[in-house]
N, C-alpha and C. Protein backbone atom coordinates (compact mmCIF):
# COMPACT_ATOMS: atom_id res chain seq x y z
N MET A 1 0.12 -13.41 1.16
CA MET A 1 0.26 -11.99 0.98
C MET A 1 -1.02 -11.45 0.36
N PRO A 2 -1.91 -10.89 1.17
CA PRO A 2 -3.18 -10.38 0.65
C PRO A 2 -2.99 -9.23 -0.33
N GLU A 3 -3.65 -9.35 -1.47
CA GLU A 3 -3.63 -8.30 -2.47
C GLU A 3 -4.87 -7.43 -2.27
N ILE A 4 -4.67 -6.12 -2.26
CA ILE A 4 -5.78 -5.20 -2.08
C ILE A 4 -6.40 -4.87 -3.43
N PHE A 5 -5.57 -4.48 -4.39
CA PHE A 5 -6.05 -4.22 -5.75
C PHE A 5 -4.86 -4.06 -6.69
N ARG A 6 -5.16 -4.04 -7.98
CA ARG A 6 -4.17 -3.77 -9.02
C ARG A 6 -4.68 -2.62 -9.87
N GLN A 7 -3.74 -1.76 -10.25
CA GLN A 7 -4.11 -0.67 -11.14
C GLN A 7 -2.86 -0.16 -11.84
N SER A 8 -2.99 0.10 -13.14
CA SER A 8 -1.90 0.65 -13.95
C SER A 8 -0.64 -0.21 -13.86
N GLY A 9 -0.80 -1.50 -13.68
CA GLY A 9 0.34 -2.41 -13.59
C GLY A 9 0.95 -2.52 -12.20
N PHE A 10 0.46 -1.74 -11.26
CA PHE A 10 0.96 -1.78 -9.88
C PHE A 10 0.09 -2.74 -9.07
N ILE A 11 0.74 -3.49 -8.19
CA ILE A 11 0.04 -4.39 -7.28
C ILE A 11 0.13 -3.80 -5.87
N PHE A 12 -1.02 -3.59 -5.24
CA PHE A 12 -1.10 -3.03 -3.90
C PHE A 12 -1.42 -4.17 -2.95
N LYS A 13 -0.55 -4.39 -1.95
CA LYS A 13 -0.71 -5.55 -1.07
C LYS A 13 -0.08 -5.28 0.29
N PHE A 14 -0.31 -6.22 1.20
CA PHE A 14 0.40 -6.24 2.47
C PHE A 14 0.72 -7.69 2.80
N TYR A 15 1.56 -7.90 3.78
CA TYR A 15 1.95 -9.25 4.19
C TYR A 15 1.06 -9.72 5.33
N SER A 16 0.76 -11.00 5.35
CA SER A 16 -0.16 -11.54 6.36
C SER A 16 0.39 -11.45 7.77
N ASP A 17 1.69 -11.25 7.91
CA ASP A 17 2.29 -11.09 9.25
C ASP A 17 2.83 -9.68 9.44
N ASP A 18 2.23 -8.71 8.73
CA ASP A 18 2.69 -7.33 8.80
C ASP A 18 2.45 -6.73 10.17
N HIS A 19 2.93 -5.53 10.35
CA HIS A 19 2.91 -4.83 11.63
C HIS A 19 2.35 -3.44 11.43
N GLU A 20 1.96 -2.83 12.52
CA GLU A 20 1.51 -1.45 12.47
C GLU A 20 2.72 -0.53 12.37
N PRO A 21 2.55 0.69 11.89
CA PRO A 21 1.31 1.30 11.46
C PRO A 21 0.81 0.71 10.14
N ILE A 22 -0.44 0.99 9.83
CA ILE A 22 -1.01 0.51 8.57
C ILE A 22 -0.16 1.03 7.43
N HIS A 23 0.21 0.11 6.55
CA HIS A 23 1.00 0.49 5.38
C HIS A 23 0.70 -0.48 4.24
N VAL A 24 1.06 -0.05 3.04
CA VAL A 24 0.80 -0.85 1.85
C VAL A 24 2.09 -0.95 1.04
N HIS A 25 2.33 -2.16 0.52
CA HIS A 25 3.47 -2.40 -0.37
C HIS A 25 2.94 -2.33 -1.80
N ILE A 26 3.64 -1.59 -2.64
CA ILE A 26 3.24 -1.49 -4.04
C ILE A 26 4.42 -1.96 -4.88
N VAL A 27 4.15 -2.96 -5.74
CA VAL A 27 5.22 -3.54 -6.54
C VAL A 27 4.87 -3.50 -8.03
N LYS A 28 5.94 -3.41 -8.81
CA LYS A 28 5.82 -3.47 -10.27
C LYS A 28 7.22 -3.70 -10.82
N ALA A 29 7.33 -4.71 -11.67
CA ALA A 29 8.58 -5.00 -12.38
C ALA A 29 9.78 -5.12 -11.43
N GLY A 30 9.57 -5.79 -10.29
CA GLY A 30 10.66 -6.02 -9.36
C GLY A 30 11.04 -4.84 -8.49
N LYS A 31 10.32 -3.75 -8.62
CA LYS A 31 10.55 -2.55 -7.80
C LYS A 31 9.43 -2.46 -6.77
N GLU A 32 9.70 -1.74 -5.68
CA GLU A 32 8.70 -1.66 -4.60
C GLU A 32 8.79 -0.33 -3.89
N VAL A 33 7.62 0.17 -3.48
CA VAL A 33 7.54 1.29 -2.56
C VAL A 33 6.58 0.91 -1.44
N ILE A 34 6.75 1.56 -0.31
CA ILE A 34 5.88 1.32 0.84
C ILE A 34 5.35 2.67 1.31
N PHE A 35 4.03 2.75 1.44
CA PHE A 35 3.38 3.95 1.95
C PHE A 35 2.67 3.62 3.25
N GLU A 36 2.85 4.46 4.26
CA GLU A 36 2.04 4.38 5.46
C GLU A 36 0.73 5.11 5.17
N VAL A 37 -0.36 4.57 5.72
CA VAL A 37 -1.69 5.10 5.43
C VAL A 37 -2.44 5.29 6.74
N SER A 38 -3.04 6.47 6.89
CA SER A 38 -3.88 6.73 8.06
C SER A 38 -5.08 7.56 7.61
N GLU A 39 -6.02 7.73 8.50
CA GLU A 39 -7.20 8.54 8.19
C GLU A 39 -6.81 9.96 7.80
N THR A 40 -5.73 10.44 8.35
CA THR A 40 -5.33 11.84 8.12
C THR A 40 -4.40 12.03 6.93
N GLY A 41 -3.84 10.95 6.38
CA GLY A 41 -2.96 11.14 5.23
C GLY A 41 -2.13 9.91 4.91
N ILE A 42 -1.18 10.11 4.00
CA ILE A 42 -0.27 9.05 3.58
C ILE A 42 1.15 9.58 3.68
N ARG A 43 2.10 8.63 3.78
CA ARG A 43 3.51 9.02 3.88
C ARG A 43 4.36 7.94 3.22
N LEU A 44 5.26 8.36 2.33
CA LEU A 44 6.19 7.42 1.73
C LEU A 44 7.18 6.97 2.78
N ARG A 45 7.26 5.66 2.99
CA ARG A 45 8.21 5.11 3.96
C ARG A 45 9.50 4.68 3.29
N ASN A 46 9.39 3.89 2.21
CA ASN A 46 10.58 3.38 1.52
C ASN A 46 10.34 3.34 0.02
N ASN A 47 11.43 3.52 -0.72
CA ASN A 47 11.41 3.36 -2.16
C ASN A 47 12.56 2.46 -2.55
N TYR A 48 12.24 1.33 -3.14
CA TYR A 48 13.26 0.36 -3.57
C TYR A 48 13.30 0.32 -5.10
N GLY A 49 13.79 1.41 -5.69
CA GLY A 49 14.05 1.44 -7.12
C GLY A 49 12.96 1.96 -8.02
N MET A 50 11.86 2.42 -7.47
CA MET A 50 10.76 2.92 -8.29
C MET A 50 11.11 4.34 -8.78
N LYS A 51 10.79 4.64 -10.03
CA LYS A 51 11.03 5.97 -10.59
C LYS A 51 10.15 7.00 -9.89
N ASN A 52 10.66 8.23 -9.79
CA ASN A 52 9.91 9.30 -9.12
C ASN A 52 8.54 9.51 -9.76
N SER A 53 8.45 9.41 -11.08
CA SER A 53 7.16 9.59 -11.74
C SER A 53 6.18 8.49 -11.32
N ASP A 54 6.69 7.26 -11.14
CA ASP A 54 5.83 6.17 -10.67
C ASP A 54 5.41 6.39 -9.22
N VAL A 55 6.33 6.91 -8.41
CA VAL A 55 6.00 7.17 -7.00
C VAL A 55 4.88 8.20 -6.92
N LYS A 56 4.92 9.22 -7.77
CA LYS A 56 3.86 10.23 -7.77
C LYS A 56 2.52 9.62 -8.18
N THR A 57 2.55 8.75 -9.20
CA THR A 57 1.33 8.07 -9.62
C THR A 57 0.79 7.20 -8.50
N ILE A 58 1.68 6.46 -7.86
CA ILE A 58 1.29 5.57 -6.76
C ILE A 58 0.71 6.39 -5.60
N ALA A 59 1.34 7.50 -5.27
CA ALA A 59 0.84 8.34 -4.17
C ALA A 59 -0.59 8.78 -4.44
N THR A 60 -0.88 9.14 -5.68
CA THR A 60 -2.24 9.52 -6.04
C THR A 60 -3.20 8.35 -5.86
N LEU A 61 -2.78 7.16 -6.32
CA LEU A 61 -3.63 5.97 -6.20
C LEU A 61 -3.84 5.58 -4.74
N VAL A 62 -2.80 5.69 -3.93
CA VAL A 62 -2.93 5.38 -2.50
C VAL A 62 -3.91 6.37 -1.86
N GLN A 63 -3.76 7.65 -2.17
CA GLN A 63 -4.66 8.66 -1.59
C GLN A 63 -6.10 8.39 -2.01
N GLU A 64 -6.31 8.08 -3.30
CA GLU A 64 -7.67 7.83 -3.80
C GLU A 64 -8.29 6.57 -3.20
N ASN A 65 -7.46 5.61 -2.81
CA ASN A 65 -7.94 4.33 -2.29
C ASN A 65 -7.64 4.14 -0.81
N LYS A 66 -7.38 5.24 -0.12
CA LYS A 66 -7.01 5.20 1.30
C LYS A 66 -8.03 4.45 2.14
N ALA A 67 -9.31 4.73 1.94
CA ALA A 67 -10.35 4.08 2.74
C ALA A 67 -10.36 2.57 2.49
N LEU A 68 -10.20 2.16 1.24
CA LEU A 68 -10.15 0.73 0.91
C LEU A 68 -8.96 0.05 1.56
N ILE A 69 -7.81 0.70 1.51
CA ILE A 69 -6.59 0.13 2.11
C ILE A 69 -6.77 -0.05 3.61
N ILE A 70 -7.27 0.97 4.28
CA ILE A 70 -7.48 0.90 5.73
C ILE A 70 -8.51 -0.17 6.07
N LYS A 71 -9.60 -0.22 5.32
CA LYS A 71 -10.63 -1.22 5.59
C LYS A 71 -10.10 -2.64 5.37
N THR A 72 -9.39 -2.87 4.29
CA THR A 72 -8.86 -4.20 4.00
C THR A 72 -7.87 -4.63 5.07
N TRP A 73 -6.98 -3.74 5.47
CA TRP A 73 -6.01 -4.02 6.53
C TRP A 73 -6.74 -4.37 7.83
N THR A 74 -7.68 -3.50 8.22
CA THR A 74 -8.40 -3.69 9.48
C THR A 74 -9.20 -4.99 9.46
N ASP A 75 -9.94 -5.24 8.38
CA ASP A 75 -10.73 -6.46 8.28
C ASP A 75 -9.84 -7.70 8.36
N PHE A 76 -8.70 -7.67 7.70
CA PHE A 76 -7.82 -8.84 7.69
C PHE A 76 -7.27 -9.11 9.09
N PHE A 77 -6.74 -8.10 9.75
CA PHE A 77 -6.09 -8.33 11.03
C PHE A 77 -7.09 -8.54 12.17
N ILE A 78 -8.28 -7.96 12.09
CA ILE A 78 -9.31 -8.24 13.09
C ILE A 78 -9.84 -9.66 12.90
N TYR A 79 -10.12 -10.04 11.65
CA TYR A 79 -10.62 -11.38 11.35
C TYR A 79 -9.59 -12.43 11.72
N LYS A 80 -8.32 -12.14 11.46
CA LYS A 80 -7.25 -13.09 11.72
C LYS A 80 -7.11 -13.38 13.22
N LYS A 81 -7.38 -12.39 14.05
CA LYS A 81 -7.22 -12.56 15.51
C LYS A 81 -8.30 -13.41 16.00
């Protein structure tokens, strides 16, 4: 499970056998959210127990690191093929 980065106690990652569209799993303290990420924006896909205030913080971090997330995803899946 490749880790993209950690910030504020959140771990941003994806699974090595993940699928499109590009998305990132964010976990902390046994809770998880998933955001879809594209050049044009981000979208919350699922929330598994994360507080709304944490989801807002995560959304900001995903938006700020959108280019890194897309690059890491693309590099991993292109290299893997």
